[in-house]
Protein backbone atom coordinates (compact mmCIF):
# COMPACT_ATOMS: atom_id res chain seq x y z
CA UNK A 1 -6.63 -55.55 34.26
CA UNK A 2 -6.05 -51.90 35.16
CA UNK A 3 -4.18 -49.84 32.56
CA UNK A 4 -2.24 -46.79 33.65
CA UNK A 5 -2.55 -43.46 31.79
CA UNK A 6 -0.05 -40.60 32.16
CA UNK A 7 -1.23 -37.12 31.17
CA UNK A 8 1.95 -35.14 30.58
CA UNK A 9 2.98 -31.51 30.89
CA UNK A 10 -0.28 -30.12 32.24
CA UNK A 11 1.52 -26.88 33.12
CA UNK A 12 -1.65 -25.05 34.16
CA UNK A 13 -3.13 -28.05 36.03
CA UNK A 14 -6.33 -27.88 33.96
CA UNK A 15 -6.59 -31.36 32.38
CA UNK A 16 -9.59 -32.25 34.52
CA UNK A 17 -11.29 -28.95 33.63
CA UNK A 18 -11.50 -29.91 29.97
CA UNK A 19 -12.28 -33.65 29.96
CA UNK A 20 -13.99 -36.14 32.31
CA UNK A 21 -10.88 -38.26 32.92
CA UNK A 22 -12.38 -39.81 36.07
CA UNK A 23 -14.92 -41.61 33.87
CA UNK A 24 -12.13 -43.79 32.47
CA UNK A 25 -12.09 -45.69 35.76
CA UNK A 26 -15.15 -47.51 34.43
CA UNK A 27 -12.99 -48.75 31.55
CA UNK A 28 -10.24 -49.90 33.87
CA UNK A 29 -7.94 -46.92 33.38
CA UNK A 30 -6.05 -45.30 36.25
CA UNK A 31 -5.03 -41.69 35.52
CA UNK A 32 -1.94 -39.81 36.69
CA UNK A 33 -1.37 -36.16 35.76
CA UNK A 34 2.11 -34.62 35.54
CA UNK A 35 2.15 -30.82 35.88
CA UNK A 36 5.93 -30.33 35.55
CA UNK A 37 8.34 -31.28 32.77
CA UNK A 38 9.77 -34.76 33.26
CA UNK A 39 13.29 -34.83 34.67
CA UNK A 40 13.72 -38.46 33.59
CA UNK A 41 11.09 -39.66 31.12
CA UNK A 42 12.15 -43.31 31.25
CA UNK A 43 11.92 -43.45 35.03
CA UNK A 44 8.64 -41.53 35.13
CA UNK A 45 6.81 -43.42 32.37
CA UNK A 46 8.14 -46.98 32.45
CA UNK A 47 5.07 -48.34 34.26
CA UNK A 48 2.45 -46.65 32.06
CA UNK A 49 0.44 -48.36 29.32
CA UNK A 50 -0.96 -45.11 27.87
CA UNK A 51 0.57 -41.66 27.58
CA UNK A 52 -1.08 -38.41 26.53
CA UNK A 53 1.43 -35.84 25.27
CA UNK A 54 0.62 -32.14 25.07
CA UNK A 55 1.99 -31.05 21.67
CA UNK A 56 5.80 -31.32 21.60
CA UNK A 57 6.51 -30.57 25.25
CA UNK A 58 7.99 -34.06 25.67
CA UNK A 59 9.89 -35.75 22.84
CA UNK A 60 9.26 -39.43 22.08
CA UNK A 61 12.18 -40.49 19.92
CA UNK A 62 13.14 -44.07 19.11
CA UNK A 63 15.52 -44.26 22.05
CA UNK A 64 12.88 -43.33 24.60
CA UNK A 65 10.19 -45.52 23.05
CA UNK A 66 12.48 -48.56 23.22
CA UNK A 67 12.80 -48.03 26.96
CA UNK A 68 9.04 -47.99 27.55
CA UNK A 69 8.08 -51.67 27.00
CA UNK A 70 4.65 -51.30 28.60
CA UNK A 71 3.57 -48.40 26.39
CA UNK A 72 0.80 -49.42 23.99
CA UNK A 73 -1.02 -46.13 23.23
CA UNK A 74 0.48 -42.68 22.72
CA UNK A 75 -1.95 -39.80 22.23
CA UNK A 76 -0.75 -36.44 20.97
CA UNK A 77 -2.73 -33.25 20.79
CA UNK A 78 -2.91 -32.18 17.17
CA UNK A 79 -2.70 -34.42 14.13
CA UNK A 80 1.03 -33.91 13.64
CA UNK A 81 3.84 -33.99 16.19
CA UNK A 82 7.45 -33.67 15.07
CA UNK A 83 8.61 -34.84 18.51
CA UNK A 84 7.17 -38.35 18.04
CA UNK A 85 9.02 -40.94 15.96
CA UNK A 86 6.00 -42.57 14.31
CA UNK A 87 8.07 -45.23 12.53
CA UNK A 88 9.66 -46.34 15.80
CA UNK A 89 6.25 -46.40 17.46
CA UNK A 90 4.86 -48.63 14.72
CA UNK A 91 7.84 -50.96 14.93
CA UNK A 92 7.22 -51.41 18.64
CA UNK A 93 3.47 -51.93 18.22
CA UNK A 94 2.55 -48.62 19.83
CA UNK A 95 -0.65 -47.06 18.53
CA UNK A 96 -0.45 -43.29 18.09
CA UNK A 97 -3.60 -41.16 17.92
CA UNK A 98 -4.14 -37.42 17.55
CA UNK A 99 -6.75 -34.74 18.00
CA UNK A 100 -8.03 -31.70 16.21
CA UNK A 101 -7.07 -28.19 17.25
CA UNK A 102 -8.05 -24.55 17.03
CA UNK A 103 -7.38 -22.80 13.70
CA UNK A 104 -7.48 -19.38 15.38
CA UNK A 105 -5.20 -19.74 18.40
CA UNK A 106 -1.73 -19.55 16.82
CA UNK A 107 -2.53 -16.82 14.26
CA UNK A 108 -4.06 -14.60 16.95
CA UNK A 109 -1.02 -15.02 19.21
CA UNK A 110 1.25 -14.20 16.26
CA UNK A 111 -0.57 -10.95 15.65
CA UNK A 112 -0.51 -10.11 19.36
CA UNK A 113 3.29 -10.44 19.29
CA UNK A 114 3.59 -8.22 16.23
CA UNK A 115 1.46 -5.50 17.82
CA UNK A 116 3.23 -5.85 21.16
CA UNK A 117 6.60 -5.34 19.49
CA UNK A 118 5.48 -2.47 17.29
CA UNK A 119 4.04 -0.47 20.20
CA UNK A 120 6.52 -1.62 22.89
CA UNK A 121 3.67 -2.94 25.03
CA UNK A 122 5.61 -5.20 27.46
CA UNK A 123 8.28 -2.56 28.11
CA UNK A 124 5.79 0.26 28.64
CA UNK A 125 3.64 -1.96 30.88
CA UNK A 126 6.62 -2.58 33.15
CA UNK A 127 7.57 1.11 33.13
CA UNK A 128 4.05 2.25 33.98
CA UNK A 129 3.80 -0.16 36.92
CA UNK A 130 7.11 1.24 38.20
CA UNK A 131 5.66 4.76 38.28
CA UNK A 132 6.91 6.04 34.91
CA UNK A 133 5.07 7.45 31.92
CA UNK A 134 5.81 7.40 28.16
CA UNK A 135 9.39 6.55 27.26
CA UNK A 136 9.42 4.94 23.81
CA UNK A 137 8.12 5.68 20.32
CA UNK A 138 6.51 2.77 18.50
CA UNK A 139 5.73 2.33 14.83
CA UNK A 140 2.56 1.82 12.79
CA UNK A 141 2.00 -1.34 10.80
CA UNK A 142 -0.02 0.45 8.14
CA UNK A 143 2.15 1.02 5.09
CA UNK A 144 4.76 -1.53 6.20
CA UNK A 145 5.54 -4.81 4.41
CA UNK A 146 4.93 -8.17 6.05
CA UNK A 147 6.87 -11.16 4.78
CA UNK A 148 5.17 -14.48 5.43
CA UNK A 149 7.53 -17.46 5.43
CA UNK A 150 5.18 -20.37 4.79
CA UNK A 151 1.76 -19.51 3.38
CA UNK A 152 -0.23 -22.46 4.69
CA UNK A 153 -3.32 -22.34 6.89
CA UNK A 154 -1.73 -20.16 9.57
CA UNK A 155 0.33 -18.05 7.18
CA UNK A 156 -2.75 -17.30 5.09
CA UNK A 157 -4.60 -16.07 8.17
CA UNK A 158 -1.66 -13.84 9.05
CA UNK A 159 -1.71 -12.43 5.52
CA UNK A 160 -5.39 -11.58 6.00
CA UNK A 161 -4.71 -9.83 9.30
CA UNK A 162 -1.90 -7.83 7.69
CA UNK A 163 -4.14 -6.66 4.84
CA UNK A 164 -6.73 -5.51 7.40
CA UNK A 165 -3.98 -3.41 9.03
CA UNK A 166 -3.04 -1.80 5.72
CA UNK A 167 0.18 -3.73 5.16
CA UNK A 168 1.59 -5.02 1.90
CA UNK A 169 2.09 -8.79 2.06
CA UNK A 170 4.80 -10.81 0.37
CA UNK A 171 5.30 -14.54 0.80
CA UNK A 172 7.67 -17.41 0.15
CA UNK A 173 7.60 -21.13 0.76
CA UNK A 174 9.27 -23.95 -1.17
CA UNK A 175 6.23 -24.95 -3.21
CA UNK A 176 4.28 -21.70 -3.24
CA UNK A 177 2.67 -20.71 -6.53
CA UNK A 178 1.79 -17.20 -7.64
CA UNK A 179 -1.88 -18.21 -7.76
CA UNK A 180 -1.90 -19.49 -4.17
CA UNK A 181 -0.13 -16.36 -2.97
CA UNK A 182 -2.55 -14.09 -4.79
CA UNK A 183 -5.53 -15.96 -3.34
CA UNK A 184 -4.21 -15.14 0.13
CA UNK A 185 -3.68 -11.48 -0.77
CA UNK A 186 0.09 -11.83 -1.03
CA UNK A 187 2.74 -11.45 -3.69
CA UNK A 188 5.09 -14.39 -4.23
CA UNK A 189 8.79 -13.52 -4.01
CA UNK A 190 12.07 -15.37 -3.68
CA UNK A 191 13.27 -16.14 -0.18
CA UNK A 192 16.07 -13.58 -0.36
CA UNK A 193 13.64 -10.90 -1.54
CA UNK A 194 11.28 -11.74 1.31
CA UNK A 195 13.90 -10.80 3.90
CA UNK A 196 15.25 -7.86 1.91
CA UNK A 197 11.87 -6.21 1.27
CA UNK A 198 9.96 -6.98 4.45
CA UNK A 199 9.79 -4.82 7.55
CA UNK A 200 8.45 -7.77 9.54
CA UNK A 201 8.95 -11.46 8.70
CA UNK A 202 6.65 -14.01 10.34
CA UNK A 203 7.66 -17.69 10.28
CA UNK A 204 4.97 -20.31 9.54
CA UNK A 205 6.68 -23.34 8.01
CA UNK A 206 6.63 -26.76 9.65
CA UNK A 207 9.77 -28.04 11.32
CA UNK A 208 11.48 -30.76 9.29
CA UNK A 209 15.00 -31.65 8.28
CA UNK A 210 14.53 -29.34 5.28
CA UNK A 211 13.35 -26.39 7.34
CA UNK A 212 15.75 -26.73 10.28
CA UNK A 213 18.00 -23.65 10.18
CA UNK A 214 16.02 -22.25 7.23
CA UNK A 215 16.45 -18.73 8.64
CA UNK A 216 20.13 -18.14 9.19
CA UNK A 217 22.53 -15.22 9.43
CA UNK A 218 22.27 -14.39 5.72
CA UNK A 219 18.49 -14.00 5.94
CA UNK A 220 18.61 -12.05 9.21
CA UNK A 221 21.19 -9.63 7.81
CA UNK A 222 18.92 -9.02 4.83
CA UNK A 223 16.09 -8.20 7.25
CA UNK A 224 18.43 -5.65 8.73
CA UNK A 225 18.65 -3.22 11.66
CA UNK A 226 15.07 -2.00 11.18
CA UNK A 227 13.57 -5.42 10.56
CA UNK A 228 11.68 -7.66 12.97
CA UNK A 229 11.58 -11.45 13.00
CA UNK A 230 8.48 -13.14 14.46
CA UNK A 231 8.56 -16.88 15.14
CA UNK A 232 5.53 -18.76 16.42
CA UNK A 233 6.27 -21.93 14.42
CA UNK A 234 9.21 -23.87 15.91
CA UNK A 235 12.46 -22.64 17.40
CA UNK A 236 14.98 -24.66 15.33
CA UNK A 237 13.68 -23.17 12.06
CA UNK A 238 15.72 -20.10 13.02
CA UNK A 239 19.46 -20.28 13.74
CA UNK A 240 19.34 -19.20 17.38
CA UNK A 241 23.03 -18.32 17.59
CA UNK A 242 22.74 -16.05 14.54
CA UNK A 243 19.59 -14.49 15.97
CA UNK A 244 21.37 -13.68 19.23
CA UNK A 245 24.34 -12.19 17.36
CA UNK A 246 22.03 -9.99 15.33
CA UNK A 247 20.22 -8.72 18.40
CA UNK A 248 23.32 -8.14 20.50
CA UNK A 249 25.42 -6.63 17.70
CA UNK A 250 22.57 -4.46 16.41
CA UNK A 251 22.35 -5.62 12.81
CA UNK A 252 18.87 -7.09 13.41
CA UNK A 253 16.10 -4.77 14.51
CA UNK A 254 14.30 -7.13 16.86
CA UNK A 255 12.51 -10.41 17.45
CA UNK A 256 9.15 -11.50 18.83
CA UNK A 257 9.31 -15.16 19.79
CA UNK A 258 6.96 -17.80 21.14
CA UNK A 259 9.13 -20.84 20.39
CA UNK A 260 12.69 -21.87 21.24
CA UNK A 261 15.29 -24.55 20.59
CA UNK A 262 14.91 -25.82 24.17
CA UNK A 263 11.57 -25.60 25.97
CA UNK A 264 10.86 -24.59 28.65
CA UNK A 265 13.45 -21.88 28.10
CA UNK A 266 16.11 -22.45 30.79
CA UNK A 267 16.86 -19.85 33.45
CA UNK A 268 19.78 -17.71 32.39
CA UNK A 269 19.24 -18.33 28.67
CA UNK A 270 20.78 -15.48 26.65
CA UNK A 271 17.49 -14.71 24.90
CA UNK A 272 16.04 -13.64 28.25
CA UNK A 273 18.41 -10.67 28.35
CA UNK A 274 18.73 -10.02 24.61
CA UNK A 275 17.72 -6.48 23.57
CA UNK A 276 14.66 -5.57 21.46
CA UNK A 277 12.71 -8.76 22.10
CA UNK A 278 9.20 -9.74 23.05
CA UNK A 279 9.06 -13.27 24.45
CA UNK A 280 6.16 -15.57 25.32
CA UNK A 281 6.35 -19.18 26.63
CA UNK A 282 4.94 -21.10 23.63
CA UNK A 283 1.40 -19.79 24.07
CA UNK A 284 0.39 -20.20 20.42
CA UNK A 285 -2.05 -23.04 21.06
CA UNK A 286 -2.83 -22.25 24.70
CA UNK A 287 -6.46 -21.09 24.69
CA UNK A 288 -9.54 -22.47 26.39
CA UNK A 289 -11.01 -23.34 22.99
CA UNK A 290 -7.99 -25.33 21.83
CA UNK A 291 -7.62 -27.05 25.20
CA UNK A 292 -11.27 -28.09 25.13
CA UNK A 293 -10.67 -29.82 21.81
CA UNK A 294 -7.24 -31.19 22.72
CA UNK A 295 -8.23 -32.74 26.03
CA UNK A 296 -11.76 -33.66 24.93
CA UNK A 297 -10.60 -35.58 21.87
CA UNK A 298 -7.63 -37.07 23.71
CA UNK A 299 -10.10 -38.44 26.24
CA UNK A 300 -12.09 -39.96 23.35
CA UNK A 301 -8.91 -41.43 21.84
CA UNK A 302 -8.11 -43.23 25.09
CA UNK A 303 -11.65 -44.42 25.75
CA UNK A 304 -12.20 -45.75 22.23
CA UNK A 305 -8.81 -47.48 22.11
CA UNK A 306 -9.51 -49.23 25.42
CA UNK A 307 -12.87 -50.35 23.99
CA UNK A 308 -11.21 -51.68 20.85
CA UNK A 309 -12.27 -48.90 18.45
CA UNK A 310 -9.27 -46.60 18.00
CA UNK A 311 -9.95 -43.24 16.35
CA UNK A 312 -7.83 -40.52 14.74
CA UNK A 313 -4.97 -42.92 14.08
CA UNK A 314 -1.53 -41.58 13.14
CA UNK A 315 -0.06 -45.08 12.86
CA UNK A 316 -1.46 -47.94 10.78
């Protein structure tokens, strides 16, 4: 019996560049690739047995999963996906598998955003192409203080980059110890002190019910009119309404963002016209190296599940 596989949200239309999906025909799998966000996920996916999700571009909550009775395998890129209700998947007998990822992609994009903001790169690029010359004055990172909110694998890399640029590094996360901070070249501080002392705060905590809205108006006001917030983690960690008020009213210095409450960011969204911002469309994991691992291991997940040997299981 033929099983149908949906590869979702292949925005760049590169899924076949990174894995030999056509080979699955030999295992009785018919592949369909979606290159645009789904307008109606239930309608689009109700006839598929297998779905491959690219990170959190499409949410699979309990309500959606209940309306996909044919779905038996859900593959996500990465070994964690906050947009998938794993308990609901288990209850409905849906196997969920993951993949590895690139440890370098997100930290490098974070640092690109910090540099782009500090030296006004996007603005000056646009001005130069329009026939203008220098019009802004940037700032040096050397001698500034970077606050790292969440000193895990990514946050620790960011701390290392900051030290290489001559910055002082301070850090906070709920369970951070002074020893762990010191090992990463950072000084542990309280959350309030992080925002008060830092010139730039970079967000690297995971999205959960505890971290949703973790950065609100109080924290952003402490960061102040010279401070910069950088978020390459997840949009809802930062109170978007407070962020917009700070930018538009001038009591926050600026923001460099790769993630948003709603993705893709809708046309006309107020962040698109907010002052003192550098914005990218969730590019943190979008590199050829990470895609090679994402798609390559997702292909293996599907093939091995079809053959009765599931790998990289996220459900029991």
